[in-house]
Each structure stands twice: as structure tokens, then as C-alpha cells.
């Protein structure tokens, strides 16, 4: 299952995504966590020191190796240099699983032990001085889009992506790559403004959007979110002394998280698992082709010096049936 956490800057989306990752890990399920936020704070939220978080390999820096591995023996892709962030898999491409060992994880992922479990953590890499004036952050998250486009995940397997703040996700097709998108919203007008914008942009793409209230202090806050988000409001996370201790540098046991807030995480988990039954691999593949053709026409063909539309394999549909049958 592919899950995104989005929201206004400062809404608490990194905190909630890290708590959901901890919750999944505590159940013993395989989890890949991806920090795709320009601020790169997911590692620290999962208990890494600043030094450990800074030492994580950057997906953006490993992009040439990622492309070369994913290209595999696909005859439609002449070289890794001609792959762009939206290049879809086809016959001969290498596909990825969440729980397997592969060169992408070896180069880009690091294990993070958590209270009750362990996850793989990948990070896009921070925006550096070298990027100023010559690159946009979406060139870094292109590695995440390629990863998700080549990922075949099943029930009980999870990849959780902490996305960049606000509506920046819509600068690429990345926003369509998830089974569920959790939008973290504070009970304020600014907090729900991002929700309205996100819902409008995603309306025509079948995005499953659920609002998770955060910093909800009482019935009035909850009523405000219900009035503004309607049926999209899934749950509301209240005040947490546990989170405050974590942010102060302590390492509280996850089992000591407040019961009401643990119930919120269980509600998110249930929503994600139910979404697996609604997955449409055909639509998922068509959407990646749609955005690839748009990117190829607008800038990809000129950059690659080739017609990247020919990379599309018209008979290919991503899905679990493409994986080898276990012996």
C-alpha cells in the first residue's frame, strides 16, 4: 500500500506520518518510509540524531544508478540518460517490492530500528546551495516517482511518503501514485485552505483524500473541521504529551502514546487496508503513461533529444501478477 501525508507547512504532517510509520512497524509489517519533504525532518521524527539523518544517502544523488537498475532489459529505453522521472516500466523493466533486497535499497535505504519494529528509510536529499537558481525541488522527488512507478506492493506491505508542504505535490504526477492521501489539517481557516486546494486539483484523478485533524483541542475545533471537510474528515489527533517529550529529545515508549491518539492511528490503518480492495492497476498504469506523455512533450523530448513517447509499452499493465510465483 502506498500512502502519502500532505498538508500546510507546520501542520504536523511529518509528526503524524512518523507516528503512523511507528504504528505500522509495531504490527510487524514491512514498511518503507520516504522523506520527500524539502525540509527533511522525517529521520529525526523517527528517532535519528541530526548527524545520522544528515548521513542518509540522497535519492536525488543516486538517480543515475536507480535509472540504470530499473531500465533493466527494456528495449524501449535506449539508455538510463533517456529516462525521466515519469518513464513508465514496460516489458524487460526491473520491478521492485517493499520487502525484498535489491540494489536500489542497498544504495538508498537505511534500516531504522523503532520501538517494536524496524523500517527502511529513504530520503530525497535536502535542497542545497548548489541547487539555488539552477534546479527545483521536484527534480529531487523525481526519484520517488520512478520508485513508485516501478513498485509492485501487496496487501500488508506499506510505503509511507512524507510529502512536501502545501500543493507543491501537483508539480508532477506524484500525487496520483498513492492508494490513500492523508491531508493533515489544523482547525483554522489556513489549515483547511490547503485541503480545499488539494481536493480541487485532485478531483479528476481518482485520488482518495482523507483529512486528519491535528492540534485539535476540543469540541469546537472538531466541529470546525467537520463543517469544513465533511465526510473527508477521517479522524482528529489531539494534544499529546508523548509527542512533546519526543520533540524535546526523550525516547518515550510507543506503547505509552495516549489511547485516543493510538485509536487515530488504527483508524488510518483501517482506511489504508480497505483501500487495497479498491486498487485499479489498470488506471494506475494509465495515469503514469498520461503524465509521462505530458512531460515528454513539454520538456522531456528536448532534454533527451529523442521522442520519449516511444518508451511507452502499450501492452504493459503494472500488477502483482507480474511477480514470480514463490517456489
Protein backbone atom coordinates (compact mmCIF):
# COMPACT_ATOMS: atom_id res chain seq x y z
CA UNK A 1 0.00 0.00 0.00
CA UNK A 2 1.23 3.45 -0.93
CA UNK A 3 0.39 6.26 1.50
CA UNK A 4 1.13 9.99 1.33
CA UNK A 5 1.00 12.57 4.09
CA UNK A 6 0.47 16.15 2.87
CA UNK A 7 -0.54 19.43 4.46
CA UNK A 8 0.31 23.04 5.11
CA UNK A 9 3.78 23.76 6.45
CA UNK A 10 3.70 23.48 10.22
CA UNK A 11 0.50 21.40 10.28
CA UNK A 12 2.29 18.45 11.84
CA UNK A 13 2.28 16.14 8.83
CA UNK A 14 5.83 14.91 9.49
CA UNK A 15 4.95 14.17 13.10
CA UNK A 16 1.79 12.27 12.12
CA UNK A 17 3.48 10.41 9.29
CA UNK A 18 6.24 9.31 11.68
CA UNK A 19 3.67 8.14 14.22
CA UNK A 20 1.84 6.15 11.55
CA UNK A 21 5.15 4.59 10.48
CA UNK A 22 5.84 3.65 14.10
CA UNK A 23 2.35 2.17 14.37
CA UNK A 24 2.83 0.03 11.25
CA UNK A 25 6.27 -1.11 12.36
CA UNK A 26 4.89 -2.13 15.75
CA UNK A 27 2.49 -4.51 13.98
CA UNK A 28 5.46 -6.29 12.38
CA UNK A 29 4.54 -5.30 8.81
CA UNK A 30 7.21 -4.44 6.21
CA UNK A 31 7.45 -0.65 5.85
CA UNK A 32 9.46 1.68 3.63
CA UNK A 33 9.45 5.30 4.82
CA UNK A 34 10.34 8.06 2.35
CA UNK A 35 11.19 11.64 3.29
CA UNK A 36 10.16 13.68 0.23
CA UNK A 37 9.76 16.98 2.08
CA UNK A 38 12.12 19.84 1.25
CA UNK A 39 12.81 20.25 4.99
CA UNK A 40 13.94 16.62 5.51
CA UNK A 41 12.84 16.06 9.13
CA UNK A 42 11.35 12.55 8.96
CA UNK A 43 14.57 10.89 10.09
CA UNK A 44 14.69 12.91 13.29
CA UNK A 45 10.97 12.27 13.87
CA UNK A 46 11.78 8.55 13.72
CA UNK A 47 14.49 8.93 16.35
CA UNK A 48 17.64 9.56 14.32
CA UNK A 49 20.14 12.12 15.53
CA UNK A 50 20.83 15.13 13.32
CA UNK A 51 24.15 13.51 12.33
CA UNK A 52 22.50 10.19 11.45
CA UNK A 53 19.78 11.92 9.43
CA UNK A 54 22.34 14.01 7.53
CA UNK A 55 24.28 10.84 6.68
CA UNK A 56 21.33 9.25 4.85
CA UNK A 57 22.07 8.77 1.14
CA UNK A 58 20.14 11.16 -1.08
CA UNK A 59 17.83 9.60 -3.64
CA UNK A 60 18.42 12.54 -5.95
CA UNK A 61 22.17 11.90 -5.96
CA UNK A 62 21.63 8.21 -6.75
CA UNK A 63 19.22 8.85 -9.62
CA UNK A 64 21.58 7.64 -12.41
CA UNK A 65 22.07 4.30 -10.62
CA UNK A 66 18.34 3.99 -9.91
CA UNK A 67 17.51 4.57 -13.57
CA UNK A 68 20.09 2.07 -14.80
CA UNK A 69 18.75 -0.64 -12.48
CA UNK A 70 15.08 -0.02 -13.27
CA UNK A 71 15.72 0.11 -17.02
CA UNK A 72 16.85 -3.50 -16.93
CA UNK A 73 16.43 -5.07 -20.35
CA UNK A 74 13.55 -2.90 -21.54
CA UNK A 75 14.23 -2.49 -25.29
CA UNK A 76 12.15 0.70 -25.45
CA UNK A 77 14.61 2.60 -23.25
CA UNK A 78 17.86 3.19 -25.10
CA UNK A 79 19.82 4.33 -22.06
CA UNK A 80 19.43 5.46 -18.47
CA UNK A 81 20.20 9.00 -19.64
CA UNK A 82 16.96 8.96 -21.67
CA UNK A 83 14.84 8.09 -18.66
CA UNK A 84 12.96 10.92 -16.99
CA UNK A 85 11.06 10.94 -13.71
CA UNK A 86 7.86 9.73 -15.40
CA UNK A 87 9.32 6.99 -17.60
CA UNK A 88 6.96 4.04 -17.05
CA UNK A 89 8.02 0.41 -16.74
CA UNK A 90 7.48 -1.98 -19.61
CA UNK A 91 8.45 -5.46 -20.71
CA UNK A 92 12.00 -6.06 -19.51
CA UNK A 93 11.98 -3.35 -16.82
CA UNK A 94 13.01 -4.33 -13.31
CA UNK A 95 10.19 -4.08 -10.78
CA UNK A 96 10.57 -3.50 -7.05
CA UNK A 97 8.98 -4.99 -3.94
CA UNK A 98 8.78 -3.46 -0.49
CA UNK A 99 10.28 -6.37 1.46
CA UNK A 100 12.94 -7.57 -1.00
CA UNK A 101 16.67 -6.88 -1.19
CA UNK A 102 17.75 -5.00 -4.31
CA UNK A 103 20.46 -2.51 -5.41
CA UNK A 104 18.10 0.47 -5.00
CA UNK A 105 17.61 -0.27 -1.32
CA UNK A 106 21.30 -1.11 -0.88
CA UNK A 107 22.34 2.30 -2.23
CA UNK A 108 19.46 4.46 -0.98
CA UNK A 109 17.79 2.93 2.09
CA UNK A 110 18.94 2.54 5.66
CA UNK A 111 17.33 0.45 8.41
CA UNK A 112 15.88 2.41 11.31
CA UNK A 113 15.11 0.44 14.49
CA UNK A 114 11.93 1.53 16.21
CA UNK A 115 10.21 0.58 19.42
CA UNK A 116 8.63 -2.73 18.42
CA UNK A 117 9.92 -2.97 14.86
CA UNK A 118 12.15 -1.69 12.10
CA UNK A 119 11.61 0.24 8.86
CA UNK A 120 13.64 1.12 5.78
CA UNK A 121 14.13 4.87 5.42
CA UNK A 122 14.91 6.69 2.18
CA UNK A 123 15.30 10.45 1.72
CA UNK A 124 15.27 12.61 -1.39
CA UNK A 125 18.06 14.79 -0.02
CA UNK A 126 18.00 18.39 1.13
CA UNK A 127 17.91 21.40 -1.16
CA UNK A 128 21.50 22.65 -1.19
CA UNK A 129 23.31 25.83 -2.15
CA UNK A 130 24.36 24.15 -5.40
CA UNK A 131 20.69 23.86 -6.34
CA UNK A 132 19.89 27.55 -5.84
CA UNK A 133 18.91 29.23 -9.08
CA UNK A 134 19.53 26.14 -11.23
CA UNK A 135 17.10 23.46 -10.04
CA UNK A 136 13.70 22.98 -8.47
CA UNK A 137 12.97 20.57 -5.66
CA UNK A 138 10.81 18.44 -7.93
CA UNK A 139 13.95 17.26 -9.73
CA UNK A 140 14.84 15.52 -6.46
CA UNK A 141 11.46 13.91 -5.85
CA UNK A 142 11.61 12.53 -9.40
CA UNK A 143 13.46 9.57 -7.89
CA UNK A 144 10.44 8.90 -5.64
CA UNK A 145 8.11 8.97 -8.65
CA UNK A 146 10.30 6.46 -10.51
CA UNK A 147 10.41 4.25 -7.41
CA UNK A 148 6.63 4.24 -7.01
CA UNK A 149 6.04 3.70 -10.75
CA UNK A 150 8.16 0.53 -10.61
CA UNK A 151 6.89 -0.71 -7.24
CA UNK A 152 4.57 -3.71 -7.01
CA UNK A 153 3.24 -3.74 -3.47
CA UNK A 154 0.66 -6.03 -1.96
CA UNK A 155 -1.67 -6.24 1.00
CA UNK A 156 0.10 -5.89 4.32
CA UNK A 157 3.07 -4.05 2.78
CA UNK A 158 3.41 -0.30 3.20
CA UNK A 159 5.36 2.62 1.79
CA UNK A 160 4.70 5.91 3.58
CA UNK A 161 5.83 9.16 1.95
CA UNK A 162 6.13 12.42 3.86
CA UNK A 163 5.45 14.85 1.01
CA UNK A 164 6.50 18.45 0.50
CA UNK A 165 4.20 21.01 2.10
CA UNK A 166 1.15 22.61 0.52
CA UNK A 167 0.07 21.91 -3.03
CA UNK A 168 3.61 21.54 -4.44
CA UNK A 169 2.86 17.84 -5.00
CA UNK A 170 0.92 18.81 -8.11
CA UNK A 171 4.04 19.90 -9.98
CA UNK A 172 4.29 16.28 -11.19
CA UNK A 173 2.14 13.17 -11.38
CA UNK A 174 3.42 12.06 -7.98
CA UNK A 175 0.10 12.94 -6.34
CA UNK A 176 -1.61 10.07 -8.25
CA UNK A 177 0.79 7.39 -7.01
CA UNK A 178 -0.94 6.66 -3.70
CA UNK A 179 -3.76 4.43 -2.52
CA UNK A 180 -4.61 6.96 0.19
CA UNK A 181 -3.51 10.56 0.72
CA UNK A 182 -3.83 11.82 4.28
CA UNK A 183 -4.09 15.59 4.44
CA UNK A 184 -3.13 16.88 7.88
CA UNK A 185 -5.13 20.00 8.76
CA UNK A 186 -5.18 22.26 11.77
CA UNK A 187 -8.61 23.57 12.83
CA UNK A 188 -8.04 27.01 11.29
CA UNK A 189 -9.01 28.73 8.04
CA UNK A 190 -5.43 28.49 6.81
CA UNK A 191 -5.34 24.85 7.84
CA UNK A 192 -8.31 23.89 5.70
CA UNK A 193 -7.39 26.13 2.76
CA UNK A 194 -4.78 23.61 1.61
CA UNK A 195 -7.41 20.88 1.86
CA UNK A 196 -9.76 22.77 -0.47
CA UNK A 197 -6.97 23.43 -2.96
CA UNK A 198 -5.76 19.83 -2.88
CA UNK A 199 -9.27 18.46 -3.31
CA UNK A 200 -9.90 20.72 -6.30
CA UNK A 201 -6.66 19.79 -8.04
CA UNK A 202 -7.10 16.05 -7.40
CA UNK A 203 -10.78 15.94 -8.33
CA UNK A 204 -10.37 14.44 -11.81
CA UNK A 205 -7.72 11.85 -10.93
CA UNK A 206 -9.50 9.48 -8.55
CA UNK A 207 -7.34 10.46 -5.57
CA UNK A 208 -8.55 9.03 -2.26
CA UNK A 209 -8.19 12.02 0.05
CA UNK A 210 -8.82 11.82 3.80
CA UNK A 211 -8.40 14.67 6.26
CA UNK A 212 -6.69 14.06 9.59
CA UNK A 213 -7.19 16.88 12.06
CA UNK A 214 -4.21 17.84 14.18
CA UNK A 215 -3.76 20.04 17.24
CA UNK A 216 -7.46 19.59 17.98
CA UNK A 217 -8.09 20.95 21.47
CA UNK A 218 -11.79 20.46 21.98
CA UNK A 219 -15.32 20.05 20.56
CA UNK A 220 -15.28 23.44 18.83
CA UNK A 221 -12.13 22.55 16.89
CA UNK A 222 -13.61 19.21 15.87
CA UNK A 223 -16.89 20.81 14.82
CA UNK A 224 -14.98 23.32 12.67
CA UNK A 225 -13.14 20.54 10.83
CA UNK A 226 -16.35 18.57 10.33
CA UNK A 227 -18.04 21.63 8.90
CA UNK A 228 -15.17 22.39 6.52
CA UNK A 229 -14.11 18.87 5.45
CA UNK A 230 -17.40 16.98 5.71
CA UNK A 231 -17.14 13.26 5.03
CA UNK A 232 -13.47 13.61 4.10
CA UNK A 233 -12.61 14.07 7.79
CA UNK A 234 -11.43 10.68 9.00
CA UNK A 235 -10.05 11.34 12.48
CA UNK A 236 -8.58 14.03 14.70
CA UNK A 237 -5.33 13.89 16.64
CA UNK A 238 -5.48 15.70 19.96
CA UNK A 239 -2.92 17.11 22.36
CA UNK A 240 -0.05 14.69 23.05
CA UNK A 241 2.38 14.86 25.93
CA UNK A 242 4.08 11.85 24.30
CA UNK A 243 4.85 13.86 21.16
CA UNK A 244 6.06 16.80 23.23
CA UNK A 245 8.52 14.55 25.09
CA UNK A 246 9.73 13.12 21.78
CA UNK A 247 10.28 16.59 20.34
CA UNK A 248 12.23 17.53 23.46
CA UNK A 249 14.69 14.72 22.77
CA UNK A 250 13.32 11.97 25.01
CA UNK A 251 12.62 8.46 23.72
CA UNK A 252 9.23 7.51 25.15
CA UNK A 253 7.90 4.01 24.53
CA UNK A 254 5.48 3.95 21.63
CA UNK A 255 3.16 1.81 23.75
CA UNK A 256 2.75 4.83 26.05
CA UNK A 257 1.20 7.04 23.34
CA UNK A 258 -2.20 8.26 24.53
CA UNK A 259 -5.04 5.79 23.91
CA UNK A 260 -7.12 8.29 21.93
CA UNK A 261 -4.24 9.09 19.61
CA UNK A 262 -3.42 5.41 19.16
CA UNK A 263 -7.04 4.96 18.06
CA UNK A 264 -6.49 7.64 15.40
CA UNK A 265 -3.56 5.64 14.01
CA UNK A 266 -5.69 2.49 13.95
CA UNK A 267 -8.36 4.37 12.00
CA UNK A 268 -5.75 5.43 9.44
CA UNK A 269 -4.50 1.84 9.21
CA UNK A 270 -8.02 0.53 8.60
CA UNK A 271 -8.60 3.13 5.89
CA UNK A 272 -5.39 2.13 4.13
CA UNK A 273 -6.15 -1.60 4.25
CA UNK A 274 -9.65 -1.05 2.88
CA UNK A 275 -8.18 0.95 0.00
CA UNK A 276 -6.28 -2.12 -1.17
CA UNK A 277 -9.55 -3.69 -2.26
CA UNK A 278 -10.29 -0.64 -4.42
CA UNK A 279 -6.94 -0.59 -6.21
CA UNK A 280 -7.13 -0.47 -10.01
CA UNK A 281 -3.76 -1.37 -11.53
CA UNK A 282 -5.04 -0.50 -15.00
CA UNK A 283 -5.90 3.06 -14.01
CA UNK A 284 -2.63 3.34 -12.10
CA UNK A 285 -0.71 2.41 -15.25
CA UNK A 286 -2.76 4.70 -17.49
CA UNK A 287 -2.11 7.64 -15.18
CA UNK A 288 1.65 7.14 -15.22
CA UNK A 289 1.55 6.97 -19.04
CA UNK A 290 -0.60 10.12 -19.15
CA UNK A 291 1.88 12.17 -17.13
CA UNK A 292 4.85 10.70 -18.99
CA UNK A 293 3.45 11.80 -22.34
CA UNK A 294 2.74 15.28 -20.97
CA UNK A 295 6.26 15.61 -19.57
CA UNK A 296 7.83 14.23 -22.73
CA UNK A 297 6.05 16.78 -24.89
CA UNK A 298 6.61 19.77 -22.61
CA UNK A 299 10.32 19.29 -21.80
CA UNK A 300 11.49 15.66 -21.86
CA UNK A 301 11.92 15.22 -25.61
CA UNK A 302 14.02 18.36 -25.89
CA UNK A 303 16.22 17.37 -22.96
CA UNK A 304 16.73 13.77 -24.13
CA UNK A 305 16.98 14.58 -27.83
CA UNK A 306 14.56 11.76 -28.55
CA UNK A 307 10.83 11.02 -28.74
CA UNK A 308 10.17 9.69 -25.24
CA UNK A 309 6.63 8.69 -26.17
CA UNK A 310 8.20 5.57 -27.72
CA UNK A 311 9.16 4.44 -24.19
CA UNK A 312 5.53 3.54 -23.52
CA UNK A 313 4.80 -0.19 -23.81
CA UNK A 314 1.13 -0.25 -24.91
CA UNK A 315 0.59 -3.84 -23.74
CA UNK A 316 2.11 -3.40 -20.27
CA UNK A 317 -0.02 -3.12 -17.12
CA UNK A 318 1.68 -2.99 -13.75
CA UNK A 319 0.30 -5.51 -11.27
CA UNK A 320 1.01 -8.26 -8.77
CA UNK A 321 0.58 -10.96 -11.43
CA UNK A 322 3.91 -9.81 -12.95
CA UNK A 323 5.85 -11.01 -9.94
CA UNK A 324 7.38 -14.51 -9.96
CA UNK A 325 5.43 -17.18 -8.12
CA UNK A 326 7.19 -18.12 -4.86
CA UNK A 327 8.84 -21.53 -5.03
